[in-house]
Amino acid sequence: MKKVFEIKDKRTINALLDTVEYGTLALSNQDKPYAVPVNFVRLGELVYFHGALSNKKMKLLAKNPNVSFSVVNSYAVIDSFFSSTEGLACPATQFFKSISIDGVAKVIEARDMKAKVLEALMQKLQPKGGYTPLSDSVYEKALKSTAVVEIVPSSIRAKYKFGQNLTQERFERIVTHLEERNEPKDNETIEMMKAYKDAL
């Protein structure tokens, strides 16, 4: 990873984890990889997800708890001619924020902790409320039949790509094209480009 794209600030990393709705959980199925998208929530330094007690991912975790977990927040696609006049495809890219976590998965058994995690997940995905809190006894059966898993990270790598490596001329050229295209993600991408360019 180019140093110019690397993000190490924990607050910045946590902000992305708290915003993205789902990530991709990668497991080992003997000599074959297995990846599945999951909703998740961050509590402190740990990431949590949930699922059925006996589905495929739970069976694989029982055999090998080592996991890799990644999240991506995509921004504007940068057409090749946005930054180059050479007519080549190579300059085409997409700007993004991403986090990759390697760690060990651990199944949570304690009822109160399971309820706390699921409550945090609800607050993340349904912040407007409108439901009975997960601490209520009405959820006893559901809590017993739901697996809650925490990922204890051994390494966290974050990469934010917003043209930090570009010359000023190419940077300004891309900004101009994004302004002219004016699609939904373009203005937000311009804001991120300027923010990370100024931070260098």
Foldseek 3Di string as FASTA:
>chain_A
DDPLFWDDDPVVVQVVQLQFQKKKKWFDDPPDIDIDIFGWHDDPQKIKTKDFCDDPVNVRCVVPQKIKIKDKDWFDWQAQVLQDPPPDRVSTDTWIKMKMFIFGKDWDDDLVVLQVGVQRSCCSVPVVDPDDRSVDPVCVVVSVRMIMMMGNTPDMIMGGDLCLVPDPNSNVSNLVVLVVVVDPRSVVSNVVNVVSNVVD
